[in-house]
Each structure stands twice: as structure tokens, then as C-alpha cells.
PDB file of N, CA and C in Angstrom:
ATOM      1  N   MET A   1      10.726 110.704  20.301  1.00  0.00           N
ATOM      2  CA  MET A   1       9.284 110.855  20.372  1.00  0.00           C
ATOM      3  C   MET A   1       8.721 110.895  18.948  1.00  0.00           C
ATOM      4  N   PRO A   2       7.695 110.053  18.663  1.00  0.00           N
ATOM      5  CA  PRO A   2       7.154 110.039  17.306  1.00  0.00           C
ATOM      6  C   PRO A   2       6.461 111.352  16.965  1.00  0.00           C
ATOM      7  N   LYS A   3       6.499 111.681  15.703  1.00  0.00           N
ATOM      8  CA  LYS A   3       5.808 112.877  15.238  1.00  0.00           C
ATOM      9  C   LYS A   3       4.315 112.689  15.412  1.00  0.00           C
ATOM     10  N   GLN A   4       3.626 113.775  15.708  1.00  0.00           N
ATOM     11  CA  GLN A   4       2.171 113.752  15.850  1.00  0.00           C
ATOM     12  C   GLN A   4       1.542 113.925  14.466  1.00  0.00           C
ATOM     13  N   THR A   5       0.688 112.986  14.093  1.00  0.00           N
ATOM     14  CA  THR A   5       0.062 112.990  12.777  1.00  0.00           C
ATOM     15  C   THR A   5      -1.449 113.084  12.920  1.00  0.00           C
ATOM     16  N   VAL A   6      -2.049 113.890  12.058  1.00  0.00           N
ATOM     17  CA  VAL A   6      -3.497 114.041  11.996  1.00  0.00           C
ATOM     18  C   VAL A   6      -3.936 113.690  10.578  1.00  0.00           C
ATOM     19  N   VAL A   7      -5.041 112.949  10.473  1.00  0.00           N
ATOM     20  CA  VAL A   7      -5.614 112.600   9.175  1.00  0.00           C
ATOM     21  C   VAL A   7      -6.929 113.351   9.022  1.00  0.00           C
ATOM     22  N   ILE A   8      -7.099 113.975   7.868  1.00  0.00           N
ATOM     23  CA  ILE A   8      -8.341 114.677   7.540  1.00  0.00           C
ATOM     24  C   ILE A   8      -9.095 113.870   6.490  1.00  0.00           C
ATOM     25  N   ILE A   9     -10.370 113.641   6.763  1.00  0.00           N
ATOM     26  CA  ILE A   9     -11.239 112.991   5.770  1.00  0.00           C
ATOM     27  C   ILE A   9     -12.388 113.961   5.504  1.00  0.00           C
ATOM     28  N   ASN A  10     -12.478 114.423   4.266  1.00  0.00           N
ATOM     29  CA  ASN A  10     -13.494 115.426   3.951  1.00  0.00           C
ATOM     30  C   ASN A  10     -14.445 114.984   2.840  1.00  0.00           C
ATOM     31  N   ARG A  11     -14.475 113.692   2.579  1.00  0.00           N
ATOM     32  CA  ARG A  11     -15.416 113.167   1.586  1.00  0.00           C
ATOM     33  C   ARG A  11     -15.905 111.801   2.037  1.00  0.00           C
ATOM     34  N   PHE A  12     -16.929 111.312   1.377  1.00  0.00           N
ATOM     35  CA  PHE A  12     -17.562 110.038   1.729  1.00  0.00           C
ATOM     36  C   PHE A  12     -16.927 108.924   0.915  1.00  0.00           C
ATOM     37  N   GLY A  13     -15.649 108.702   1.140  1.00  0.00           N
ATOM     38  CA  GLY A  13     -14.887 107.709   0.405  1.00  0.00           C
ATOM     39  C   GLY A  13     -13.467 108.211   0.245  1.00  0.00           C
ATOM     40  N   MET A  14     -12.693 107.487  -0.509  1.00  0.00           N
ATOM     41  CA  MET A  14     -11.290 107.847  -0.718  1.00  0.00           C
ATOM     42  C   MET A  14     -11.043 107.985  -2.211  1.00  0.00           C
ATOM     43  N   GLY A  15     -10.474 109.102  -2.604  1.00  0.00           N
ATOM     44  CA  GLY A  15     -10.204 109.347  -4.005  1.00  0.00           C
ATOM     45  C   GLY A  15     -11.449 109.790  -4.748  1.00  0.00           C
ATOM     46  N   SER A  16     -11.300 109.918  -6.052  1.00  0.00           N
ATOM     47  CA  SER A  16     -12.442 110.284  -6.889  1.00  0.00           C
ATOM     48  C   SER A  16     -12.704 109.143  -7.856  1.00  0.00           C
ATOM     49  N   GLY A  17     -13.889 109.137  -8.412  1.00  0.00           N
ATOM     50  CA  GLY A  17     -14.250 108.057  -9.320  1.00  0.00           C
ATOM     51  C   GLY A  17     -15.377 107.233  -8.741  1.00  0.00           C
ATOM     52  N   ASP A  18     -15.273 105.939  -8.830  1.00  0.00           N
ATOM     53  CA  ASP A  18     -16.325 105.030  -8.396  1.00  0.00           C
ATOM     54  C   ASP A  18     -16.565 105.149  -6.883  1.00  0.00           C
ATOM     55  N   PRO A  19     -17.783 105.549  -6.471  1.00  0.00           N
ATOM     56  CA  PRO A  19     -18.048 105.739  -5.037  1.00  0.00           C
ATOM     57  C   PRO A  19     -17.941 104.457  -4.212  1.00  0.00           C
ATOM     58  N   ASP A  20     -18.374 103.330  -4.770  1.00  0.00           N
ATOM     59  CA  ASP A  20     -18.282 102.071  -4.019  1.00  0.00           C
ATOM     60  C   ASP A  20     -16.827 101.676  -3.799  1.00  0.00           C
ATOM     61  N   LEU A  21     -16.009 101.848  -4.820  1.00  0.00           N
ATOM     62  CA  LEU A  21     -14.582 101.574  -4.681  1.00  0.00           C
ATOM     63  C   LEU A  21     -13.955 102.529  -3.670  1.00  0.00           C
ATOM     64  N   GLY A  22     -14.371 103.794  -3.688  1.00  0.00           N
ATOM     65  CA  GLY A  22     -13.856 104.783  -2.742  1.00  0.00           C
ATOM     66  C   GLY A  22     -14.124 104.398  -1.299  1.00  0.00           C
ATOM     67  N   LYS A  23     -15.323 103.865  -1.022  1.00  0.00           N
ATOM     68  CA  LYS A  23     -15.645 103.417   0.339  1.00  0.00           C
ATOM     69  C   LYS A  23     -14.844 102.167   0.702  1.00  0.00           C
ATOM     70  N   GLU A  24     -14.683 101.275  -0.277  1.00  0.00           N
ATOM     71  CA  GLU A  24     -13.939 100.039  -0.025  1.00  0.00           C
ATOM     72  C   GLU A  24     -12.478 100.333   0.323  1.00  0.00           C
ATOM     73  N   ILE A  25     -11.826 101.190  -0.450  1.00  0.00           N
ATOM     74  CA  ILE A  25     -10.414 101.458  -0.167  1.00  0.00           C
ATOM     75  C   ILE A  25     -10.248 102.343   1.069  1.00  0.00           C
ATOM     76  N   LEU A  26     -11.250 103.173   1.381  1.00  0.00           N
ATOM     77  CA  LEU A  26     -11.184 103.933   2.623  1.00  0.00           C
ATOM     78  C   LEU A  26     -11.268 102.981   3.814  1.00  0.00           C
ATOM     79  N   GLY A  27     -12.098 101.965   3.719  1.00  0.00           N
ATOM     80  CA  GLY A  27     -12.178 100.959   4.786  1.00  0.00           C
ATOM     81  C   GLY A  27     -10.835 100.293   5.003  1.00  0.00           C
ATOM     82  N   SER A  28     -10.163  99.947   3.919  1.00  0.00           N
ATOM     83  CA  SER A  28      -8.837  99.343   4.022  1.00  0.00           C
ATOM     84  C   SER A  28      -7.854 100.320   4.674  1.00  0.00           C
ATOM     85  N   PHE A  29      -7.914 101.575   4.255  1.00  0.00           N
ATOM     86  CA  PHE A  29      -7.045 102.590   4.850  1.00  0.00           C
ATOM     87  C   PHE A  29      -7.290 102.701   6.353  1.00  0.00           C
ATOM     88  N   LEU A  30      -8.554 102.769   6.766  1.00  0.00           N
ATOM     89  CA  LEU A  30      -8.863 102.922   8.188  1.00  0.00           C
ATOM     90  C   LEU A  30      -8.385 101.724   8.998  1.00  0.00           C
ATOM     91  N   ARG A  31      -8.487 100.541   8.444  1.00  0.00           N
ATOM     92  CA  ARG A  31      -8.009  99.353   9.162  1.00  0.00           C
ATOM     93  C   ARG A  31      -6.492  99.364   9.329  1.00  0.00           C
ATOM     94  N   LYS A  32      -5.787  99.990   8.405  1.00  0.00           N
ATOM     95  CA  LYS A  32      -4.324 100.027   8.453  1.00  0.00           C
ATOM     96  C   LYS A  32      -3.774 101.331   9.022  1.00  0.00           C
ATOM     97  N   ALA A  33      -4.649 102.298   9.288  1.00  0.00           N
ATOM     98  CA  ALA A  33      -4.207 103.626   9.733  1.00  0.00           C
ATOM     99  C   ALA A  33      -3.440 103.579  11.052  1.00  0.00           C
ATOM    100  N   ILE A  34      -3.681 102.593  11.875  1.00  0.00           N
ATOM    101  CA  ILE A  34      -2.980 102.481  13.152  1.00  0.00           C
ATOM    102  C   ILE A  34      -1.471 102.360  12.932  1.00  0.00           C
ATOM    103  N   LEU A  35      -1.068 101.974  11.735  1.00  0.00           N
ATOM    104  CA  LEU A  35       0.357 101.859  11.420  1.00  0.00           C
ATOM    105  C   LEU A  35       1.016 103.209  11.135  1.00  0.00           C
ATOM    106  N   ILE A  36       0.212 104.259  11.003  1.00  0.00           N
ATOM    107  CA  ILE A  36       0.774 105.587  10.771  1.00  0.00           C
ATOM    108  C   ILE A  36       1.464 106.050  12.043  1.00  0.00           C
ATOM    109  N   GLU A  37       2.729 106.342  11.940  1.00  0.00           N
ATOM    110  CA  GLU A  37       3.514 106.731  13.105  1.00  0.00           C
ATOM    111  C   GLU A  37       2.932 107.974  13.780  1.00  0.00           C
ATOM    112  N   GLY A  38       2.661 107.856  15.059  1.00  0.00           N
ATOM    113  CA  GLY A  38       2.197 108.987  15.852  1.00  0.00           C
ATOM    114  C   GLY A  38       0.794 109.464  15.525  1.00  0.00           C
ATOM    115  N   LEU A  39      -0.049 108.586  14.939  1.00  0.00           N
ATOM    116  CA  LEU A  39      -1.408 109.010  14.599  1.00  0.00           C
ATOM    117  C   LEU A  39      -2.121 109.478  15.854  1.00  0.00           C
ATOM    118  N   ARG A  40      -2.496 110.717  15.845  1.00  0.00           N
ATOM    119  CA  ARG A  40      -3.103 111.378  16.996  1.00  0.00           C
ATOM    120  C   ARG A  40      -4.617 111.421  16.886  1.00  0.00           C
ATOM    121  N   SER A  41      -5.096 111.822  15.695  1.00  0.00           N
ATOM    122  CA  SER A  41      -6.533 111.994  15.534  1.00  0.00           C
ATOM    123  C   SER A  41      -6.934 111.941  14.068  1.00  0.00           C
ATOM    124  N   ILE A  42      -8.243 111.746  13.883  1.00  0.00           N
ATOM    125  CA  ILE A  42      -8.854 111.825  12.560  1.00  0.00           C
ATOM    126  C   ILE A  42      -9.903 112.917  12.635  1.00  0.00           C
ATOM    127  N   LEU A  43      -9.814 113.861  11.705  1.00  0.00           N
ATOM    128  CA  LEU A  43     -10.737 114.980  11.638  1.00  0.00           C
ATOM    129  C   LEU A  43     -11.683 114.754  10.472  1.00  0.00           C
ATOM    130  N   LEU A  44     -12.969 114.863  10.726  1.00  0.00           N
ATOM    131  CA  LEU A  44     -13.967 114.666   9.685  1.00  0.00           C
ATOM    132  C   LEU A  44     -14.737 115.957   9.482  1.00  0.00           C
ATOM    133  N   TYR A  45     -14.800 116.406   8.231  1.00  0.00           N
ATOM    134  CA  TYR A  45     -15.657 117.542   7.930  1.00  0.00           C
ATOM    135  C   TYR A  45     -16.229 117.402   6.533  1.00  0.00           C
ATOM    136  N   ASN A  46     -17.134 118.304   6.198  1.00  0.00           N
ATOM    137  CA  ASN A  46     -17.914 118.238   4.974  1.00  0.00           C
ATOM    138  C   ASN A  46     -18.522 116.837   4.868  1.00  0.00           C
ATOM    139  N   GLU A  47     -18.512 116.219   3.686  1.00  0.00           N
ATOM    140  CA  GLU A  47     -19.163 114.919   3.528  1.00  0.00           C
ATOM    141  C   GLU A  47     -18.476 113.801   4.301  1.00  0.00           C
ATOM    142  N   GLY A  48     -17.294 114.046   4.815  1.00  0.00           N
ATOM    143  CA  GLY A  48     -16.607 113.040   5.619  1.00  0.00           C
ATOM    144  C   GLY A  48     -17.385 112.632   6.856  1.00  0.00           C
ATOM    145  N   VAL A  49     -18.200 113.539   7.398  1.00  0.00           N
ATOM    146  CA  VAL A  49     -18.977 113.199   8.603  1.00  0.00           C
ATOM    147  C   VAL A  49     -20.025 112.130   8.314  1.00  0.00           C
ATOM    148  N   ARG A  50     -20.401 111.980   7.055  1.00  0.00           N
ATOM    149  CA  ARG A  50     -21.380 110.944   6.699  1.00  0.00           C
ATOM    150  C   ARG A  50     -20.858 109.540   6.996  1.00  0.00           C
ATOM    151  N   LEU A  51     -19.548 109.402   7.158  1.00  0.00           N
ATOM    152  CA  LEU A  51     -18.954 108.108   7.491  1.00  0.00           C
ATOM    153  C   LEU A  51     -19.339 107.644   8.894  1.00  0.00           C
ATOM    154  N   LEU A  52     -19.870 108.553   9.704  1.00  0.00           N
ATOM    155  CA  LEU A  52     -20.284 108.209  11.062  1.00  0.00           C
ATOM    156  C   LEU A  52     -21.773 107.924  11.172  1.00  0.00           C
ATOM    157  N   SER A  53     -22.490 107.949  10.042  1.00  0.00           N
ATOM    158  CA  SER A  53     -23.920 107.669  10.089  1.00  0.00           C
ATOM    159  C   SER A  53     -24.144 106.194  10.441  1.00  0.00           C
ATOM    160  N   ALA A  54     -25.265 105.930  11.069  1.00  0.00           N
ATOM    161  CA  ALA A  54     -25.556 104.584  11.572  1.00  0.00           C
ATOM    162  C   ALA A  54     -25.552 103.522  10.481  1.00  0.00           C
ATOM    163  N   ASP A  55     -25.881 103.895   9.247  1.00  0.00           N
ATOM    164  CA  ASP A  55     -25.954 102.909   8.176  1.00  0.00           C
ATOM    165  C   ASP A  55     -24.662 102.793   7.359  1.00  0.00           C
ATOM    166  N   CYS A  56     -23.615 103.479   7.775  1.00  0.00           N
ATOM    167  CA  CYS A  56     -22.353 103.413   7.040  1.00  0.00           C
ATOM    168  C   CYS A  56     -21.611 102.120   7.400  1.00  0.00           C
ATOM    169  N   PRO A  57     -21.204 101.358   6.396  1.00  0.00           N
ATOM    170  CA  PRO A  57     -20.514 100.093   6.690  1.00  0.00           C
ATOM    171  C   PRO A  57     -19.113 100.271   7.291  1.00  0.00           C
ATOM    172  N   LEU A  58     -18.598 101.504   7.316  1.00  0.00           N
ATOM    173  CA  LEU A  58     -17.251 101.727   7.863  1.00  0.00           C
ATOM    174  C   LEU A  58     -17.259 102.106   9.345  1.00  0.00           C
ATOM    175  N   LEU A  59     -18.417 102.166   9.950  1.00  0.00           N
ATOM    176  CA  LEU A  59     -18.512 102.539  11.364  1.00  0.00           C
ATOM    177  C   LEU A  59     -17.658 101.661  12.280  1.00  0.00           C
ATOM    178  N   PRO A  60     -17.605 100.337  12.065  1.00  0.00           N
ATOM    179  CA  PRO A  60     -16.750  99.502  12.929  1.00  0.00           C
ATOM    180  C   PRO A  60     -15.266  99.884  12.869  1.00  0.00           C
ATOM    181  N   GLU A  61     -14.800 100.341  11.717  1.00  0.00           N
ATOM    182  CA  GLU A  61     -13.401 100.746  11.599  1.00  0.00           C
ATOM    183  C   GLU A  61     -13.112 101.954  12.497  1.00  0.00           C
ATOM    184  N   PHE A  62     -14.058 102.892  12.564  1.00  0.00           N
ATOM    185  CA  PHE A  62     -13.872 104.040  13.448  1.00  0.00           C
ATOM    186  C   PHE A  62     -13.892 103.606  14.910  1.00  0.00           C
ATOM    187  N   GLY A  63     -14.758 102.654  15.247  1.00  0.00           N
ATOM    188  CA  GLY A  63     -14.785 102.123  16.602  1.00  0.00           C
ATOM    189  C   GLY A  63     -13.471 101.475  16.988  1.00  0.00           C
ATOM    190  N   ALA A  64     -12.878 100.736  16.063  1.00  0.00           N
ATOM    191  CA  ALA A  64     -11.590 100.085  16.325  1.00  0.00           C
ATOM    192  C   ALA A  64     -10.492 101.128  16.543  1.00  0.00           C
ATOM    193  N   LEU A  65     -10.517 102.216  15.767  1.00  0.00           N
ATOM    194  CA  LEU A  65      -9.522 103.282  15.957  1.00  0.00           C
ATOM    195  C   LEU A  65      -9.692 103.937  17.325  1.00  0.00           C
ATOM    196  N   LEU A  66     -10.927 104.182  17.715  1.00  0.00           N
ATOM    197  CA  LEU A  66     -11.177 104.753  19.044  1.00  0.00           C
ATOM    198  C   LEU A  66     -10.650 103.824  20.135  1.00  0.00           C
ATOM    199  N   ASP A  67     -10.879 102.527  19.974  1.00  0.00           N
ATOM    200  CA  ASP A  67     -10.405 101.549  20.952  1.00  0.00           C
ATOM    201  C   ASP A  67      -8.882 101.557  21.078  1.00  0.00           C
ATOM    202  N   ARG A  68      -8.210 101.963  20.021  1.00  0.00           N
ATOM    203  CA  ARG A  68      -6.740 102.011  20.030  1.00  0.00           C
ATOM    204  C   ARG A  68      -6.211 103.384  20.445  1.00  0.00           C
ATOM    205  N   GLY A  69      -7.106 104.266  20.898  1.00  0.00           N
ATOM    206  CA  GLY A  69      -6.674 105.551  21.423  1.00  0.00           C
ATOM    207  C   GLY A  69      -6.575 106.681  20.421  1.00  0.00           C
ATOM    208  N   ILE A  70      -7.088 106.476  19.223  1.00  0.00           N
ATOM    209  CA  ILE A  70      -7.083 107.527  18.211  1.00  0.00           C
ATOM    210  C   ILE A  70      -8.353 108.364  18.409  1.00  0.00           C
ATOM    211  N   ASP A  71      -8.198 109.672  18.555  1.00  0.00           N
ATOM    212  CA  ASP A  71      -9.347 110.552  18.700  1.00  0.00           C
ATOM    213  C   ASP A  71      -9.978 110.827  17.344  1.00  0.00           C
ATOM    214  N   ILE A  72     -11.297 110.942  17.336  1.00  0.00           N
ATOM    215  CA  ILE A  72     -12.037 111.251  16.113  1.00  0.00           C
ATOM    216  C   ILE A  72     -12.885 112.485  16.395  1.00  0.00           C
ATOM    217  N   TYR A  73     -12.685 113.504  15.559  1.00  0.00           N
ATOM    218  CA  TYR A  73     -13.378 114.776  15.740  1.00  0.00           C
ATOM    219  C   TYR A  73     -14.192 115.117  14.498  1.00  0.00           C
ATOM    220  N   PRO A  74     -15.511 114.892  14.543  1.00  0.00           N
ATOM    221  CA  PRO A  74     -16.353 115.296  13.423  1.00  0.00           C
ATOM    222  C   PRO A  74     -16.852 116.734  13.623  1.00  0.00           C
ATOM    223  N   CYS A  75     -16.921 117.477  12.535  1.00  0.00           N
ATOM    224  CA  CYS A  75     -17.412 118.853  12.557  1.00  0.00           C
ATOM    225  C   CYS A  75     -18.904 118.859  12.906  1.00  0.00           C
ATOM    226  N   GLY A  76     -19.255 119.551  13.979  1.00  0.00           N
ATOM    227  CA  GLY A  76     -20.653 119.623  14.411  1.00  0.00           C
ATOM    228  C   GLY A  76     -21.545 120.332  13.413  1.00  0.00           C
ATOM    229  N   THR A  77     -21.058 121.394  12.805  1.00  0.00           N
ATOM    230  CA  THR A  77     -21.834 122.113  11.797  1.00  0.00           C
ATOM    231  C   THR A  77     -22.158 121.204  10.625  1.00  0.00           C
ATOM    232  N   CYS A  78     -21.175 120.415  10.207  1.00  0.00           N
ATOM    233  CA  CYS A  78     -21.369 119.488   9.087  1.00  0.00           C
ATOM    234  C   CYS A  78     -22.345 118.371   9.475  1.00  0.00           C
ATOM    235  N   MET A  79     -22.235 117.879  10.688  1.00  0.00           N
ATOM    236  CA  MET A  79     -23.144 116.823  11.142  1.00  0.00           C
ATOM    237  C   MET A  79     -24.582 117.343  11.150  1.00  0.00           C
ATOM    238  N   ASN A  80     -24.766 118.565  11.622  1.00  0.00           N
ATOM    239  CA  ASN A  80     -26.105 119.158  11.607  1.00  0.00           C
ATOM    240  C   ASN A  80     -26.627 119.311  10.184  1.00  0.00           C
ATOM    241  N   LYS A  81     -25.784 119.777   9.280  1.00  0.00           N
ATOM    242  CA  LYS A  81     -26.170 119.981   7.879  1.00  0.00           C
ATOM    243  C   LYS A  81     -26.660 118.683   7.238  1.00  0.00           C
ATOM    244  N   PHE A  82     -25.978 117.574   7.510  1.00  0.00           N
ATOM    245  CA  PHE A  82     -26.339 116.289   6.914  1.00  0.00           C
ATOM    246  C   PHE A  82     -27.271 115.460   7.795  1.00  0.00           C
ATOM    247  N   GLY A  83     -27.652 115.989   8.964  1.00  0.00           N
ATOM    248  CA  GLY A  83     -28.558 115.268   9.855  1.00  0.00           C
ATOM    249  C   GLY A  83     -27.956 114.012  10.438  1.00  0.00           C
ATOM    250  N   ILE A  84     -26.648 114.020  10.682  1.00  0.00           N
ATOM    251  CA  ILE A  84     -25.946 112.848  11.210  1.00  0.00           C
ATOM    252  C   ILE A  84     -25.974 112.881  12.729  1.00  0.00           C
ATOM    253  N   GLN A  85     -26.381 111.773  13.309  1.00  0.00           N
ATOM    254  CA  GLN A  85     -26.314 111.591  14.755  1.00  0.00           C
ATOM    255  C   GLN A  85     -25.593 110.278  15.009  1.00  0.00           C
ATOM    256  N   THR A  86     -24.700 110.305  15.984  1.00  0.00           N
ATOM    257  CA  THR A  86     -23.958 109.088  16.306  1.00  0.00           C
ATOM    258  C   THR A  86     -23.676 109.051  17.798  1.00  0.00           C
ATOM    259  N   SER A  87     -23.666 107.870  18.339  1.00  0.00           N
ATOM    260  CA  SER A  87     -23.287 107.706  19.739  1.00  0.00           C
ATOM    261  C   SER A  87     -21.814 107.324  19.858  1.00  0.00           C
ATOM    262  N   LEU A  88     -21.146 107.148  18.728  1.00  0.00           N
ATOM    263  CA  LEU A  88     -19.750 106.735  18.723  1.00  0.00           C
ATOM    264  C   LEU A  88     -18.832 107.820  19.271  1.00  0.00           C
ATOM    265  N   VAL A  89     -19.032 109.055  18.821  1.00  0.00           N
ATOM    266  CA  VAL A  89     -18.213 110.184  19.265  1.00  0.00           C
ATOM    267  C   VAL A  89     -19.096 111.412  19.417  1.00  0.00           C
ATOM    268  N   ARG A  90     -18.573 112.395  20.143  1.00  0.00           N
ATOM    269  CA  ARG A  90     -19.274 113.676  20.265  1.00  0.00           C
ATOM    270  C   ARG A  90     -18.883 114.558  19.096  1.00  0.00           C
ATOM    271  N   SER A  91     -19.835 115.358  18.645  1.00  0.00           N
ATOM    272  CA  SER A  91     -19.494 116.287  17.576  1.00  0.00           C
ATOM    273  C   SER A  91     -18.530 117.327  18.122  1.00  0.00           C
ATOM    274  N   SER A  92     -17.778 117.891  17.233  1.00  0.00           N
ATOM    275  CA  SER A  92     -16.728 118.831  17.594  1.00  0.00           C
ATOM    276  C   SER A  92     -17.029 120.185  16.966  1.00  0.00           C
ATOM    277  N   CYS A  93     -16.089 121.072  17.054  1.00  0.00           N
ATOM    278  CA  CYS A  93     -16.248 122.394  16.455  1.00  0.00           C
ATOM    279  C   CYS A  93     -14.960 122.747  15.714  1.00  0.00           C
ATOM    280  N   MET A  94     -15.022 123.792  14.929  1.00  0.00           N
ATOM    281  CA  MET A  94     -13.868 124.178  14.131  1.00  0.00           C
ATOM    282  C   MET A  94     -12.685 124.578  15.013  1.00  0.00           C
ATOM    283  N   ASP A  95     -12.936 125.094  16.205  1.00  0.00           N
ATOM    284  CA  ASP A  95     -11.833 125.429  17.111  1.00  0.00           C
ATOM    285  C   ASP A  95     -10.998 124.188  17.435  1.00  0.00           C
ATOM    286  N   VAL A  96     -11.664 123.067  17.704  1.00  0.00           N
ATOM    287  CA  VAL A  96     -10.960 121.831  18.020  1.00  0.00           C
ATOM    288  C   VAL A  96     -10.233 121.306  16.788  1.00  0.00           C
ATOM    289  N   ILE A  97     -10.882 121.370  15.640  1.00  0.00           N
ATOM    290  CA  ILE A  97     -10.266 120.896  14.405  1.00  0.00           C
ATOM    291  C   ILE A  97      -9.004 121.695  14.101  1.00  0.00           C
ATOM    292  N   VAL A  98      -9.082 123.022  14.215  1.00  0.00           N
ATOM    293  CA  VAL A  98      -7.911 123.872  13.955  1.00  0.00           C
ATOM    294  C   VAL A  98      -6.825 123.610  14.993  1.00  0.00           C
ATOM    295  N   SER A  99      -7.205 123.407  16.242  1.00  0.00           N
ATOM    296  CA  SER A  99      -6.233 123.120  17.294  1.00  0.00           C
ATOM    297  C   SER A  99      -5.493 121.808  17.007  1.00  0.00           C
ATOM    298  N   GLU A 100      -6.229 120.780  16.604  1.00  0.00           N
ATOM    299  CA  GLU A 100      -5.603 119.497  16.273  1.00  0.00           C
ATOM    300  C   GLU A 100      -4.616 119.659  15.117  1.00  0.00           C
ATOM    301  N   MET A 101      -5.009 120.420  14.114  1.00  0.00           N
ATOM    302  CA  MET A 101      -4.112 120.655  12.985  1.00  0.00           C
ATOM    303  C   MET A 101      -2.848 121.386  13.420  1.00  0.00           C
ATOM    304  N   SER A 102      -3.019 122.381  14.289  1.00  0.00           N
ATOM    305  CA  SER A 102      -1.868 123.196  14.687  1.00  0.00           C
ATOM    306  C   SER A 102      -0.896 122.431  15.586  1.00  0.00           C
ATOM    307  N   MET A 103      -1.374 121.431  16.321  1.00  0.00           N
ATOM    308  CA  MET A 103      -0.496 120.643  17.184  1.00  0.00           C
ATOM    309  C   MET A 103       0.233 119.530  16.430  1.00  0.00           C
ATOM    310  N   ALA A 104      -0.240 119.247  15.217  1.00  0.00           N
ATOM    311  CA  ALA A 104       0.330 118.128  14.449  1.00  0.00           C
ATOM    312  C   ALA A 104       1.640 118.529  13.767  1.00  0.00           C
ATOM    313  N   ASP A 105       2.553 117.574  13.718  1.00  0.00           N
ATOM    314  CA  ASP A 105       3.768 117.747  12.925  1.00  0.00           C
ATOM    315  C   ASP A 105       3.484 117.464  11.461  1.00  0.00           C
ATOM    316  N   LYS A 106       2.464 116.602  11.229  1.00  0.00           N
ATOM    317  CA  LYS A 106       2.125 116.202   9.853  1.00  0.00           C
ATOM    318  C   LYS A 106       0.612 116.069   9.750  1.00  0.00           C
ATOM    319  N   VAL A 107       0.051 116.628   8.672  1.00  0.00           N
ATOM    320  CA  VAL A 107      -1.390 116.523   8.390  1.00  0.00           C
ATOM    321  C   VAL A 107      -1.547 115.824   7.058  1.00  0.00           C
ATOM    322  N   ILE A 108      -2.320 114.739   7.036  1.00  0.00           N
ATOM    323  CA  ILE A 108      -2.585 113.978   5.825  1.00  0.00           C
ATOM    324  C   ILE A 108      -4.051 114.153   5.469  1.00  0.00           C
ATOM    325  N   THR A 109      -4.327 114.632   4.273  1.00  0.00           N
ATOM    326  CA  THR A 109      -5.711 114.782   3.821  1.00  0.00           C
ATOM    327  C   THR A 109      -6.052 113.660   2.854  1.00  0.00           C
ATOM    328  N   ILE A 110      -7.140 112.971   3.151  1.00  0.00           N
ATOM    329  CA  ILE A 110      -7.603 111.862   2.323  1.00  0.00           C
ATOM    330  C   ILE A 110      -8.716 112.370   1.421  1.00  0.00           C
TER     331      ILE A 110
END
């Protein structure tokens, strides 16, 4: 049985430095994330929830992950703070985020 893996995204891009490059390489990561063995879910909090805003160019990548059975859990408190609304997924709560982390064999923070 494959190990259960959870990915955490807590910023609006990947890495530090150039923000446009950070979004570009995060898009590449999301397109290839399905190759992560046992990927169970992606948890979004803090500025990471901004990736679900309607004007974010990475929204299709999240849709593709959902279509492949990967759950996406954005922090509801964070979504409220940034005024993010999306029809792609329902907002979540810290209880769900902590539960996902505790069930995972491996947690990867981006």
C-alpha cells in the first residue's frame, strides 16, 4: 500500500524571490504532483489560499488535481481574511487540516 502524502502550500507561489517565477514553477509542480506516490490531499493556508482566487492562472491545475481524486482543503479563516471565494472547493477548517496531516505518512511543505 502506498504511503499517504499530503502537500502544504502556504504562499502564493513556490520558493522565495521573483514572484512571477514562483507562480510559474508552482504551476509546473502542480501539473506533475500527480506523480507523488500516494498523494492524498493538498492543504492551503495563509497566502496559499489566494491560489484559488478566480483570477489566478493556476486554477486549472487545481481542477485537474481534483479530477484525479486529490482532495484540496483551503483554510476557511484564511479565505475570509483575503476575501477569496471559489466554487472549485469548499473552504475547510483547521480541524480538517490537522486531521489530514495526522493521517499522512509524509507531509511536504512547498
